[in-house]
Protein backbone atom coordinates (compact mmCIF):
# COMPACT_ATOMS: atom_id res chain seq x y z
CA UNK A 1 4.14 -2.68 -14.22
CA UNK A 2 4.78 0.47 -12.22
CA UNK A 3 1.90 2.98 -12.20
CA UNK A 4 1.31 6.55 -11.08
CA UNK A 5 -1.31 6.68 -8.34
CA UNK A 6 -4.22 9.06 -8.78
CA UNK A 7 -5.67 11.08 -5.91
CA UNK A 8 -8.84 8.97 -6.02
CA UNK A 9 -6.87 5.71 -5.73
CA UNK A 10 -4.88 7.19 -2.84
CA UNK A 11 -8.19 8.02 -1.14
CA UNK A 12 -9.39 4.43 -1.63
CA UNK A 13 -6.18 3.08 -0.10
CA UNK A 14 -6.51 5.49 2.82
CA UNK A 15 -10.10 4.31 3.35
CA UNK A 16 -9.01 0.65 3.26
CA UNK A 17 -6.39 1.33 5.92
CA UNK A 18 -8.80 3.32 8.09
CA UNK A 19 -10.86 0.12 8.41
CA UNK A 20 -8.00 -1.51 10.33
CA UNK A 21 -6.60 1.64 12.00
CA UNK A 22 -9.19 4.44 12.24
CA UNK A 23 -6.66 6.82 13.84
CA UNK A 24 -4.06 6.52 11.07
CA UNK A 25 -2.72 9.58 9.29
CA UNK A 26 -1.32 9.41 5.80
CA UNK A 27 -0.05 8.01 3.65
CA UNK A 28 3.34 9.56 4.28
CA UNK A 29 4.62 11.62 1.36
CA UNK A 30 7.14 9.66 -0.68
CA UNK A 31 6.11 6.30 0.81
CA UNK A 32 3.59 5.22 -1.83
CA UNK A 33 4.40 2.54 -4.39
CA UNK A 34 1.76 1.41 -6.88
CA UNK A 35 1.73 -1.15 -9.63
CA UNK A 36 0.00 -4.01 -11.36
CA UNK A 37 0.74 -7.66 -12.07
CA UNK A 38 -1.80 -9.15 -14.47
CA UNK A 39 -5.23 -7.93 -13.42
CA UNK A 40 -4.26 -7.38 -9.78
CA UNK A 41 -3.17 -3.98 -8.48
CA UNK A 42 -0.81 -3.61 -5.52
CA UNK A 43 0.32 -0.73 -3.36
CA UNK A 44 2.64 -0.07 -0.45
CA UNK A 45 2.27 2.99 1.76
CA UNK A 46 3.30 4.09 5.23
CA UNK A 47 0.75 5.49 7.67
CA UNK A 48 1.35 7.12 11.03
CA UNK A 49 -0.56 6.05 14.11
CA UNK A 50 -0.72 8.88 16.69
CA UNK A 51 0.29 6.47 19.50
CA UNK A 52 2.89 4.24 17.80
CA UNK A 53 4.22 6.33 14.92
CA UNK A 54 5.30 4.47 11.78
CA UNK A 55 5.73 1.12 13.53
CA UNK A 56 5.32 -1.99 11.35
CA UNK A 57 5.20 -0.16 8.03
CA UNK A 58 4.75 -0.16 5.10
CA UNK A 59 1.20 -1.33 4.82
CA UNK A 60 0.34 -3.54 1.84
CA UNK A 61 -2.78 -3.25 -0.30
CA UNK A 62 -4.34 -5.29 -3.09
CA UNK A 63 -7.22 -4.83 -5.52
CA UNK A 64 -8.25 -7.66 -7.84
CA UNK A 65 -9.23 -5.37 -10.73
CA UNK A 66 -10.12 -1.84 -11.74
CA UNK A 67 -13.57 -2.00 -10.09
CA UNK A 68 -12.70 -4.26 -7.15
CA UNK A 69 -12.33 -2.76 -3.68
CA UNK A 70 -8.90 -2.20 -2.15
CA UNK A 71 -8.01 -4.51 0.73
CA UNK A 72 -5.38 -3.89 3.39
CA UNK A 73 -3.25 -7.05 3.34
CA UNK A 74 -1.27 -6.18 6.44
CA UNK A 75 1.58 -4.29 7.97
CA UNK A 76 5.01 -5.11 6.66
CA UNK A 77 2.98 -5.75 3.52
CA UNK A 78 5.99 -5.84 1.25
CA UNK A 79 6.37 -9.54 2.07
CA UNK A 80 3.07 -10.13 0.24
CA UNK A 81 4.01 -8.12 -2.86
CA UNK A 82 5.04 -9.75 -6.13
CA UNK A 83 8.82 -9.83 -6.29
CA UNK A 84 8.63 -8.37 -9.83
CA UNK A 85 7.02 -5.20 -8.48
CA UNK A 86 9.47 -4.88 -5.62
CA UNK A 87 12.31 -5.11 -8.17
CA UNK A 88 10.71 -2.49 -10.45
CA UNK A 89 10.27 -0.19 -7.45
CA UNK A 90 13.84 -0.92 -6.27
CA UNK A 91 12.19 -1.61 -2.92
CA UNK A 92 14.28 -3.65 -0.51
CA UNK A 93 11.78 -5.50 1.63
CA UNK A 94 13.35 -5.87 5.10
CA UNK A 95 11.52 -9.15 5.79
C-alpha cells in the first residue's frame, strides 16, 4: 500500500540515515517513496553527501511496525524493497 509520508516520519528517516552518513543532506525533494506491506513499512529516499553527491542512491529504509524504529537498509535500497511496492510506485529499480 502506498502511503503519504508525514513530516515526523521524514524526520525519523533522516535520523536513521544520519547514523550511517552524518554529513548527509536531504532527503531530496521528490525522491521519497513510502509504503507498507503487511505490518512492515518501507521507504526510499535520496540524500546528498557533500563530498560524493547523490552517489549510490536511493537509500532504503524499513520499520517493522508503527512504533518500531526506522533502519537504514542500505544504498541502492530499492533492491531490498518488496516488488509490490516498487510496482505501485512505478519505480524502476536499476539493479
